[in-house]
Amino acid sequence: MKPVLELAAECQCWPTWELRGGIYENVDPHALPVSPGLVSALCRWMEDWDSQYTLDDPRDALGGPALDLAAFRAEGRRLAGWLRDEVGERWDVLHEE
């Protein structure tokens, strides 16, 4: 059985997660065997997600700039495909919107 790598946006986390022993572990994309261009794109996607949060004021946690969710989701699909292409047969890549 191949390991599972999932692309998912979570506040203040890397966008890549590996399923190990039934538990998802957050994985730094720099540690994956992928191109620097993909690593940069994954980090930008993560930064876009985090930019909508203002963590210094819990009463206004979503006080950052509004995120265009349709564009963000489309970019997630594109990145998941790119990730699948680069990791090849080594991982099963998942991405849910």
PDB file of N, CA and C in Angstrom:
ATOM      1  N   MET A   1       0.839  -1.184   0.000  1.00  0.00           N
ATOM      2  CA  MET A   1       0.000   0.000   0.000  1.00  0.00           C
ATOM      3  C   MET A   1       0.884   1.248   0.000  1.00  0.00           C
ATOM      4  N   LYS A   2       0.588   2.161  -0.909  1.00  0.00           N
ATOM      5  CA  LYS A   2       1.365   3.395  -1.015  1.00  0.00           C
ATOM      6  C   LYS A   2       0.983   4.349   0.120  1.00  0.00           C
ATOM      7  N   PRO A   3       1.940   5.156   0.566  1.00  0.00           N
ATOM      8  CA  PRO A   3       1.595   6.187   1.539  1.00  0.00           C
ATOM      9  C   PRO A   3       0.677   7.233   0.900  1.00  0.00           C
ATOM     10  N   VAL A   4      -0.049   7.941   1.743  1.00  0.00           N
ATOM     11  CA  VAL A   4      -1.006   8.953   1.285  1.00  0.00           C
ATOM     12  C   VAL A   4      -0.464  10.331   1.606  1.00  0.00           C
ATOM     13  N   LEU A   5      -0.490  11.205   0.606  1.00  0.00           N
ATOM     14  CA  LEU A   5      -0.110  12.597   0.757  1.00  0.00           C
ATOM     15  C   LEU A   5      -1.338  13.423   0.410  1.00  0.00           C
ATOM     16  N   GLU A   6      -1.741  14.308   1.319  1.00  0.00           N
ATOM     17  CA  GLU A   6      -2.939  15.117   1.078  1.00  0.00           C
ATOM     18  C   GLU A   6      -2.580  16.598   1.055  1.00  0.00           C
ATOM     19  N   LEU A   7      -3.222  17.301   0.143  1.00  0.00           N
ATOM     20  CA  LEU A   7      -3.088  18.754   0.046  1.00  0.00           C
ATOM     21  C   LEU A   7      -4.319  19.355   0.715  1.00  0.00           C
ATOM     22  N   ALA A   8      -4.094  20.120   1.785  1.00  0.00           N
ATOM     23  CA  ALA A   8      -5.212  20.704   2.530  1.00  0.00           C
ATOM     24  C   ALA A   8      -4.757  21.989   3.207  1.00  0.00           C
ATOM     25  N   ALA A   9      -5.608  22.990   3.172  1.00  0.00           N
ATOM     26  CA  ALA A   9      -5.309  24.280   3.790  1.00  0.00           C
ATOM     27  C   ALA A   9      -5.770  24.288   5.242  1.00  0.00           C
ATOM     28  N   GLU A  10      -4.848  24.601   6.134  1.00  0.00           N
ATOM     29  CA  GLU A  10      -5.126  24.778   7.556  1.00  0.00           C
ATOM     30  C   GLU A  10      -4.335  25.993   8.017  1.00  0.00           C
ATOM     31  N   CYS A  11      -4.934  26.803   8.853  1.00  0.00           N
ATOM     32  CA  CYS A  11      -4.282  28.011   9.337  1.00  0.00           C
ATOM     33  C   CYS A  11      -2.970  27.671  10.049  1.00  0.00           C
ATOM     34  N   GLN A  12      -1.910  28.359   9.670  1.00  0.00           N
ATOM     35  CA  GLN A  12      -0.578  28.245  10.239  1.00  0.00           C
ATOM     36  C   GLN A  12       0.008  26.835  10.145  1.00  0.00           C
ATOM     37  N   CYS A  13      -0.302  26.124   9.075  1.00  0.00           N
ATOM     38  CA  CYS A  13       0.246  24.785   8.824  1.00  0.00           C
ATOM     39  C   CYS A  13       0.750  24.714   7.390  1.00  0.00           C
ATOM     40  N   TRP A  14       1.648  23.771   7.150  1.00  0.00           N
ATOM     41  CA  TRP A  14       2.042  23.502   5.777  1.00  0.00           C
ATOM     42  C   TRP A  14       0.840  22.942   5.034  1.00  0.00           C
ATOM     43  N   PRO A  15       0.778  23.089   3.731  1.00  0.00           N
ATOM     44  CA  PRO A  15      -0.386  22.595   2.990  1.00  0.00           C
ATOM     45  C   PRO A  15      -0.322  21.102   2.656  1.00  0.00           C
ATOM     46  N   THR A  16       0.771  20.446   3.036  1.00  0.00           N
ATOM     47  CA  THR A  16       0.942  19.035   2.707  1.00  0.00           C
ATOM     48  C   THR A  16       0.915  18.195   3.981  1.00  0.00           C
ATOM     49  N   TRP A  17       0.180  17.086   3.889  1.00  0.00           N
ATOM     50  CA  TRP A  17      -0.045  16.192   5.032  1.00  0.00           C
ATOM     51  C   TRP A  17       0.195  14.760   4.585  1.00  0.00           C
ATOM     52  N   GLU A  18       0.919  13.984   5.405  1.00  0.00           N
ATOM     53  CA  GLU A  18       1.138  12.572   5.094  1.00  0.00           C
ATOM     54  C   GLU A  18       0.407  11.723   6.125  1.00  0.00           C
ATOM     55  N   LEU A  19      -0.323  10.736   5.628  1.00  0.00           N
ATOM     56  CA  LEU A  19      -1.039   9.812   6.503  1.00  0.00           C
ATOM     57  C   LEU A  19      -0.062   8.718   6.922  1.00  0.00           C
ATOM     58  N   ARG A  20       0.218   8.666   8.227  1.00  0.00           N
ATOM     59  CA  ARG A  20       1.147   7.672   8.781  1.00  0.00           C
ATOM     60  C   ARG A  20       0.483   6.990   9.969  1.00  0.00           C
ATOM     61  N   GLY A  21       0.294   5.698   9.859  1.00  0.00           N
ATOM     62  CA  GLY A  21      -0.295   4.951  10.972  1.00  0.00           C
ATOM     63  C   GLY A  21      -1.672   5.443  11.364  1.00  0.00           C
ATOM     64  N   GLY A  22      -2.444   5.876  10.384  1.00  0.00           N
ATOM     65  CA  GLY A  22      -3.795   6.353  10.654  1.00  0.00           C
ATOM     66  C   GLY A  22      -3.876   7.790  11.142  1.00  0.00           C
ATOM     67  N   ILE A  23      -2.746   8.484  11.213  1.00  0.00           N
ATOM     68  CA  ILE A  23      -2.706   9.867  11.707  1.00  0.00           C
ATOM     69  C   ILE A  23      -2.060  10.751  10.646  1.00  0.00           C
ATOM     70  N   TYR A  24      -2.685  11.901  10.384  1.00  0.00           N
ATOM     71  CA  TYR A  24      -2.097  12.848   9.440  1.00  0.00           C
ATOM     72  C   TYR A  24      -1.015  13.660  10.141  1.00  0.00           C
ATOM     73  N   GLU A  25       0.159  13.721   9.507  1.00  0.00           N
ATOM     74  CA  GLU A  25       1.263  14.534   9.995  1.00  0.00           C
ATOM     75  C   GLU A  25       1.525  15.642   8.993  1.00  0.00           C
ATOM     76  N   ASN A  26       1.658  16.861   9.501  1.00  0.00           N
ATOM     77  CA  ASN A  26       1.939  18.008   8.652  1.00  0.00           C
ATOM     78  C   ASN A  26       3.384  17.922   8.157  1.00  0.00           C
ATOM     79  N   VAL A  27       3.569  18.024   6.832  1.00  0.00           N
ATOM     80  CA  VAL A  27       4.884  17.844   6.220  1.00  0.00           C
ATOM     81  C   VAL A  27       5.291  19.121   5.504  1.00  0.00           C
ATOM     82  N   ASP A  28       6.469  19.597   5.826  1.00  0.00           N
ATOM     83  CA  ASP A  28       7.044  20.750   5.148  1.00  0.00           C
ATOM     84  C   ASP A  28       7.273  20.376   3.685  1.00  0.00           C
ATOM     85  N   PRO A  29       6.696  21.111   2.733  1.00  0.00           N
ATOM     86  CA  PRO A  29       6.886  20.764   1.323  1.00  0.00           C
ATOM     87  C   PRO A  29       8.352  20.780   0.885  1.00  0.00           C
ATOM     88  N   HIS A  30       9.193  21.529   1.612  1.00  0.00           N
ATOM     89  CA  HIS A  30      10.628  21.545   1.292  1.00  0.00           C
ATOM     90  C   HIS A  30      11.250  20.169   1.511  1.00  0.00           C
ATOM     91  N   ALA A  31      10.635  19.334   2.345  1.00  0.00           N
ATOM     92  CA  ALA A  31      11.163  17.996   2.646  1.00  0.00           C
ATOM     93  C   ALA A  31      10.687  16.944   1.634  1.00  0.00           C
ATOM     94  N   LEU A  32       9.808  17.321   0.738  1.00  0.00           N
ATOM     95  CA  LEU A  32       9.287  16.375  -0.252  1.00  0.00           C
ATOM     96  C   LEU A  32      10.179  16.346  -1.492  1.00  0.00           C
ATOM     97  N   PRO A  33      10.199  15.216  -2.195  1.00  0.00           N
ATOM     98  CA  PRO A  33      11.012  15.119  -3.410  1.00  0.00           C
ATOM     99  C   PRO A  33      10.299  15.747  -4.605  1.00  0.00           C
ATOM    100  N   VAL A  34      10.125  17.079  -4.539  1.00  0.00           N
ATOM    101  CA  VAL A  34       9.446  17.820  -5.602  1.00  0.00           C
ATOM    102  C   VAL A  34      10.295  19.025  -5.998  1.00  0.00           C
ATOM    103  N   SER A  35       9.951  19.614  -7.112  1.00  0.00           N
ATOM    104  CA  SER A  35      10.728  20.738  -7.650  1.00  0.00           C
ATOM    105  C   SER A  35      10.593  21.989  -6.780  1.00  0.00           C
ATOM    106  N   PRO A  36      11.616  22.855  -6.824  1.00  0.00           N
ATOM    107  CA  PRO A  36      11.532  24.126  -6.105  1.00  0.00           C
ATOM    108  C   PRO A  36      10.334  24.966  -6.555  1.00  0.00           C
ATOM    109  N   GLY A  37       9.971  24.882  -7.826  1.00  0.00           N
ATOM    110  CA  GLY A  37       8.807  25.646  -8.304  1.00  0.00           C
ATOM    111  C   GLY A  37       7.525  25.198  -7.636  1.00  0.00           C
ATOM    112  N   LEU A  38       7.358  23.896  -7.450  1.00  0.00           N
ATOM    113  CA  LEU A  38       6.172  23.390  -6.774  1.00  0.00           C
ATOM    114  C   LEU A  38       6.195  23.768  -5.299  1.00  0.00           C
ATOM    115  N   VAL A  39       7.342  23.665  -4.670  1.00  0.00           N
ATOM    116  CA  VAL A  39       7.452  24.069  -3.258  1.00  0.00           C
ATOM    117  C   VAL A  39       7.030  25.529  -3.103  1.00  0.00           C
ATOM    118  N   SER A  40       7.522  26.397  -3.973  1.00  0.00           N
ATOM    119  CA  SER A  40       7.167  27.828  -3.904  1.00  0.00           C
ATOM    120  C   SER A  40       5.677  28.033  -4.107  1.00  0.00           C
ATOM    121  N   ALA A  41       5.093  27.331  -5.068  1.00  0.00           N
ATOM    122  CA  ALA A  41       3.653  27.468  -5.331  1.00  0.00           C
ATOM    123  C   ALA A  41       2.834  26.980  -4.147  1.00  0.00           C
ATOM    124  N   LEU A  42       3.241  25.879  -3.527  1.00  0.00           N
ATOM    125  CA  LEU A  42       2.529  25.368  -2.349  1.00  0.00           C
ATOM    126  C   LEU A  42       2.616  26.362  -1.195  1.00  0.00           C
ATOM    127  N   CYS A  43       3.778  26.960  -1.005  1.00  0.00           N
ATOM    128  CA  CYS A  43       3.945  27.948   0.073  1.00  0.00           C
ATOM    129  C   CYS A  43       3.119  29.204  -0.188  1.00  0.00           C
ATOM    130  N   ARG A  44       3.042  29.640  -1.437  1.00  0.00           N
ATOM    131  CA  ARG A  44       2.203  30.810  -1.764  1.00  0.00           C
ATOM    132  C   ARG A  44       0.730  30.496  -1.489  1.00  0.00           C
ATOM    133  N   TRP A  45       0.300  29.281  -1.840  1.00  0.00           N
ATOM    134  CA  TRP A  45      -1.090  28.869  -1.601  1.00  0.00           C
ATOM    135  C   TRP A  45      -1.384  28.898  -0.101  1.00  0.00           C
ATOM    136  N   MET A  46      -0.438  28.405   0.694  1.00  0.00           N
ATOM    137  CA  MET A  46      -0.577  28.429   2.145  1.00  0.00           C
ATOM    138  C   MET A  46      -0.640  29.877   2.657  1.00  0.00           C
ATOM    139  N   GLU A  47       0.219  30.726   2.140  1.00  0.00           N
ATOM    140  CA  GLU A  47       0.237  32.130   2.562  1.00  0.00           C
ATOM    141  C   GLU A  47      -1.070  32.834   2.201  1.00  0.00           C
ATOM    142  N   ASP A  48      -1.635  32.505   1.033  1.00  0.00           N
ATOM    143  CA  ASP A  48      -2.930  33.081   0.657  1.00  0.00           C
ATOM    144  C   ASP A  48      -3.995  32.706   1.680  1.00  0.00           C
ATOM    145  N   TRP A  49      -3.994  31.438   2.097  1.00  0.00           N
ATOM    146  CA  TRP A  49      -4.973  30.981   3.086  1.00  0.00           C
ATOM    147  C   TRP A  49      -4.771  31.711   4.412  1.00  0.00           C
ATOM    148  N   ASP A  50      -3.532  31.784   4.871  1.00  0.00           N
ATOM    149  CA  ASP A  50      -3.236  32.421   6.154  1.00  0.00           C
ATOM    150  C   ASP A  50      -3.505  33.920   6.138  1.00  0.00           C
ATOM    151  N   SER A  51      -3.442  34.550   4.968  1.00  0.00           N
ATOM    152  CA  SER A  51      -3.590  36.010   4.898  1.00  0.00           C
ATOM    153  C   SER A  51      -4.973  36.489   5.318  1.00  0.00           C
ATOM    154  N   GLN A  52      -5.957  35.608   5.296  1.00  0.00           N
ATOM    155  CA  GLN A  52      -7.301  36.033   5.677  1.00  0.00           C
ATOM    156  C   GLN A  52      -7.495  36.078   7.198  1.00  0.00           C
ATOM    157  N   TYR A  53      -6.526  35.581   7.946  1.00  0.00           N
ATOM    158  CA  TYR A  53      -6.641  35.530   9.407  1.00  0.00           C
ATOM    159  C   TYR A  53      -5.842  36.648  10.059  1.00  0.00           C
ATOM    160  N   THR A  54      -6.394  37.210  11.122  1.00  0.00           N
ATOM    161  CA  THR A  54      -5.668  38.163  11.963  1.00  0.00           C
ATOM    162  C   THR A  54      -5.611  37.548  13.358  1.00  0.00           C
ATOM    163  N   LEU A  55      -4.594  36.778  13.611  1.00  0.00           N
ATOM    164  CA  LEU A  55      -4.511  35.992  14.838  1.00  0.00           C
ATOM    165  C   LEU A  55      -4.202  36.816  16.079  1.00  0.00           C
ATOM    166  N   ASP A  56      -3.796  38.061  15.902  1.00  0.00           N
ATOM    167  CA  ASP A  56      -3.519  38.899  17.065  1.00  0.00           C
ATOM    168  C   ASP A  56      -4.802  39.425  17.710  1.00  0.00           C
ATOM    169  N   ASP A  57      -5.951  39.255  17.052  1.00  0.00           N
ATOM    170  CA  ASP A  57      -7.234  39.671  17.613  1.00  0.00           C
ATOM    171  C   ASP A  57      -8.242  38.535  17.448  1.00  0.00           C
ATOM    172  N   PRO A  58      -8.372  37.651  18.455  1.00  0.00           N
ATOM    173  CA  PRO A  58      -9.256  36.494  18.329  1.00  0.00           C
ATOM    174  C   PRO A  58     -10.724  36.857  18.068  1.00  0.00           C
ATOM    175  N   ARG A  59     -11.131  38.075  18.441  1.00  0.00           N
ATOM    176  CA  ARG A  59     -12.520  38.484  18.188  1.00  0.00           C
ATOM    177  C   ARG A  59     -12.763  38.747  16.711  1.00  0.00           C
ATOM    178  N   ASP A  60     -11.677  38.960  15.968  1.00  0.00           N
ATOM    179  CA  ASP A  60     -11.778  39.257  14.540  1.00  0.00           C
ATOM    180  C   ASP A  60     -10.810  38.370  13.769  1.00  0.00           C
ATOM    181  N   ALA A  61     -10.898  37.061  14.011  1.00  0.00           N
ATOM    182  CA  ALA A  61      -9.928  36.128  13.430  1.00  0.00           C
ATOM    183  C   ALA A  61      -9.932  36.158  11.907  1.00  0.00           C
ATOM    184  N   LEU A  62     -11.070  36.433  11.298  1.00  0.00           N
ATOM    185  CA  LEU A  62     -11.143  36.502   9.838  1.00  0.00           C
ATOM    186  C   LEU A  62     -11.143  37.946   9.362  1.00  0.00           C
ATOM    187  N   GLY A  63     -10.356  38.772  10.017  1.00  0.00           N
ATOM    188  CA  GLY A  63     -10.338  40.191   9.700  1.00  0.00           C
ATOM    189  C   GLY A  63      -9.392  40.578   8.587  1.00  0.00           C
ATOM    190  N   GLY A  64      -8.682  39.616   8.028  1.00  0.00           N
ATOM    191  CA  GLY A  64      -7.766  39.916   6.928  1.00  0.00           C
ATOM    192  C   GLY A  64      -8.531  40.127   5.634  1.00  0.00           C
ATOM    193  N   PRO A  65      -7.804  40.286   4.552  1.00  0.00           N
ATOM    194  CA  PRO A  65      -8.467  40.489   3.256  1.00  0.00           C
ATOM    195  C   PRO A  65      -9.288  39.263   2.867  1.00  0.00           C
ATOM    196  N   ALA A  66     -10.432  39.510   2.254  1.00  0.00           N
ATOM    197  CA  ALA A  66     -11.296  38.414   1.815  1.00  0.00           C
ATOM    198  C   ALA A  66     -10.573  37.591   0.766  1.00  0.00           C
ATOM    199  N   LEU A  67     -10.742  36.293   0.857  1.00  0.00           N
ATOM    200  CA  LEU A  67     -10.115  35.363  -0.073  1.00  0.00           C
ATOM    201  C   LEU A  67     -11.118  34.994  -1.155  1.00  0.00           C
ATOM    202  N   ASP A  68     -10.690  35.018  -2.394  1.00  0.00           N
ATOM    203  CA  ASP A  68     -11.541  34.566  -3.494  1.00  0.00           C
ATOM    204  C   ASP A  68     -11.529  33.043  -3.456  1.00  0.00           C
ATOM    205  N   LEU A  69     -12.560  32.450  -2.830  1.00  0.00           N
ATOM    206  CA  LEU A  69     -12.577  31.007  -2.608  1.00  0.00           C
ATOM    207  C   LEU A  69     -12.595  30.202  -3.903  1.00  0.00           C
ATOM    208  N   ALA A  70     -13.295  30.683  -4.914  1.00  0.00           N
ATOM    209  CA  ALA A  70     -13.331  29.955  -6.182  1.00  0.00           C
ATOM    210  C   ALA A  70     -11.927  29.870  -6.783  1.00  0.00           C
ATOM    211  N   ALA A  71     -11.202  30.970  -6.778  1.00  0.00           N
ATOM    212  CA  ALA A  71      -9.836  30.985  -7.315  1.00  0.00           C
ATOM    213  C   ALA A  71      -8.906  30.148  -6.437  1.00  0.00           C
ATOM    214  N   PHE A  72      -9.093  30.222  -5.113  1.00  0.00           N
ATOM    215  CA  PHE A  72      -8.266  29.449  -4.195  1.00  0.00           C
ATOM    216  C   PHE A  72      -8.473  27.953  -4.416  1.00  0.00           C
ATOM    217  N   ARG A  73      -9.718  27.547  -4.568  1.00  0.00           N
ATOM    218  CA  ARG A  73     -10.017  26.126  -4.807  1.00  0.00           C
ATOM    219  C   ARG A  73      -9.459  25.654  -6.156  1.00  0.00           C
ATOM    220  N   ALA A  74      -9.593  26.496  -7.166  1.00  0.00           N
ATOM    221  CA  ALA A  74      -9.048  26.145  -8.488  1.00  0.00           C
ATOM    222  C   ALA A  74      -7.530  25.976  -8.409  1.00  0.00           C
ATOM    223  N   GLU A  75      -6.872  26.854  -7.675  1.00  0.00           N
ATOM    224  CA  GLU A  75      -5.423  26.734  -7.505  1.00  0.00           C
ATOM    225  C   GLU A  75      -5.083  25.455  -6.735  1.00  0.00           C
ATOM    226  N   GLY A  76      -5.886  25.093  -5.754  1.00  0.00           N
ATOM    227  CA  GLY A  76      -5.667  23.842  -5.018  1.00  0.00           C
ATOM    228  C   GLY A  76      -5.760  22.631  -5.931  1.00  0.00           C
ATOM    229  N   ARG A  77      -6.737  22.628  -6.820  1.00  0.00           N
ATOM    230  CA  ARG A  77      -6.866  21.516  -7.779  1.00  0.00           C
ATOM    231  C   ARG A  77      -5.642  21.449  -8.697  1.00  0.00           C
ATOM    232  N   ARG A  78      -5.199  22.614  -9.155  1.00  0.00           N
ATOM    233  CA  ARG A  78      -4.030  22.671 -10.038  1.00  0.00           C
ATOM    234  C   ARG A  78      -2.787  22.157  -9.304  1.00  0.00           C
ATOM    235  N   LEU A  79      -2.612  22.588  -8.068  1.00  0.00           N
ATOM    236  CA  LEU A  79      -1.453  22.163  -7.289  1.00  0.00           C
ATOM    237  C   LEU A  79      -1.502  20.670  -6.970  1.00  0.00           C
ATOM    238  N   ALA A  80      -2.685  20.144  -6.687  1.00  0.00           N
ATOM    239  CA  ALA A  80      -2.812  18.707  -6.418  1.00  0.00           C
ATOM    240  C   ALA A  80      -2.407  17.901  -7.642  1.00  0.00           C
ATOM    241  N   GLY A  81      -2.796  18.347  -8.824  1.00  0.00           N
ATOM    242  CA  GLY A  81      -2.397  17.667 -10.052  1.00  0.00           C
ATOM    243  C   GLY A  81      -0.899  17.735 -10.267  1.00  0.00           C
ATOM    244  N   TRP A  82      -0.318  18.890 -10.014  1.00  0.00           N
ATOM    245  CA  TRP A  82       1.128  19.074 -10.157  1.00  0.00           C
ATOM    246  C   TRP A  82       1.859  18.168  -9.162  1.00  0.00           C
ATOM    247  N   LEU A  83       1.350  18.118  -7.929  1.00  0.00           N
ATOM    248  CA  LEU A  83       1.939  17.265  -6.905  1.00  0.00           C
ATOM    249  C   LEU A  83       1.870  15.795  -7.325  1.00  0.00           C
ATOM    250  N   ARG A  84       0.725  15.365  -7.841  1.00  0.00           N
ATOM    251  CA  ARG A  84       0.579  13.987  -8.341  1.00  0.00           C
ATOM    252  C   ARG A  84       1.616  13.690  -9.432  1.00  0.00           C
ATOM    253  N   ASP A  85       1.774  14.636 -10.346  1.00  0.00           N
ATOM    254  CA  ASP A  85       2.726  14.452 -11.440  1.00  0.00           C
ATOM    255  C   ASP A  85       4.155  14.285 -10.921  1.00  0.00           C
ATOM    256  N   GLU A  86       4.501  15.066  -9.909  1.00  0.00           N
ATOM    257  CA  GLU A  86       5.895  15.049  -9.435  1.00  0.00           C
ATOM    258  C   GLU A  86       6.208  13.890  -8.495  1.00  0.00           C
ATOM    259  N   VAL A  87       5.259  13.453  -7.677  1.00  0.00           N
ATOM    260  CA  VAL A  87       5.571  12.334  -6.770  1.00  0.00           C
ATOM    261  C   VAL A  87       5.329  10.995  -7.439  1.00  0.00           C
ATOM    262  N   GLY A  88       4.664  11.019  -8.591  1.00  0.00           N
ATOM    263  CA  GLY A  88       4.471   9.810  -9.380  1.00  0.00           C
ATOM    264  C   GLY A  88       3.808   8.691  -8.607  1.00  0.00           C
ATOM    265  N   GLU A  89       4.391   7.537  -8.678  1.00  0.00           N
ATOM    266  CA  GLU A  89       3.822   6.344  -8.062  1.00  0.00           C
ATOM    267  C   GLU A  89       4.201   6.190  -6.592  1.00  0.00           C
ATOM    268  N   ARG A  90       4.982   7.119  -6.054  1.00  0.00           N
ATOM    269  CA  ARG A  90       5.437   6.977  -4.662  1.00  0.00           C
ATOM    270  C   ARG A  90       4.340   7.200  -3.641  1.00  0.00           C
ATOM    271  N   TRP A  91       3.367   8.086  -3.945  1.00  0.00           N
ATOM    272  CA  TRP A  91       2.295   8.407  -3.021  1.00  0.00           C
ATOM    273  C   TRP A  91       0.962   8.420  -3.758  1.00  0.00           C
ATOM    274  N   ASP A  92      -0.098   8.167  -3.031  1.00  0.00           N
ATOM    275  CA  ASP A  92      -1.441   8.495  -3.491  1.00  0.00           C
ATOM    276  C   ASP A  92      -1.693   9.918  -3.025  1.00  0.00           C
ATOM    277  N   VAL A  93      -2.030  10.814  -3.928  1.00  0.00           N
ATOM    278  CA  VAL A  93      -2.251  12.213  -3.576  1.00  0.00           C
ATOM    279  C   VAL A  93      -3.741  12.482  -3.520  1.00  0.00           C
ATOM    280  N   LEU A  94      -4.177  13.049  -2.388  1.00  0.00           N
ATOM    281  CA  LEU A  94      -5.580  13.406  -2.183  1.00  0.00           C
ATOM    282  C   LEU A  94      -5.712  14.916  -2.078  1.00  0.00           C
ATOM    283  N   HIS A  95      -6.865  15.397  -2.491  1.00  0.00           N
ATOM    284  CA  HIS A  95      -7.198  16.809  -2.286  1.00  0.00           C
ATOM    285  C   HIS A  95      -8.707  16.938  -2.304  1.00  0.00           C
ATOM    286  N   GLU A  96      -9.244  17.466  -1.223  1.00  0.00           N
ATOM    287  CA  GLU A  96     -10.681  17.740  -1.154  1.00  0.00           C
ATOM    288  C   GLU A  96     -10.841  19.231  -0.953  1.00  0.00           C
ATOM    289  N   GLU A  97     -11.922  19.739  -1.512  1.00  0.00           N
ATOM    290  CA  GLU A  97     -12.146  21.188  -1.382  1.00  0.00           C
ATOM    291  C   GLU A  97     -12.907  21.488  -0.157  1.00  0.00           C
TER     292      GLU A  97
END
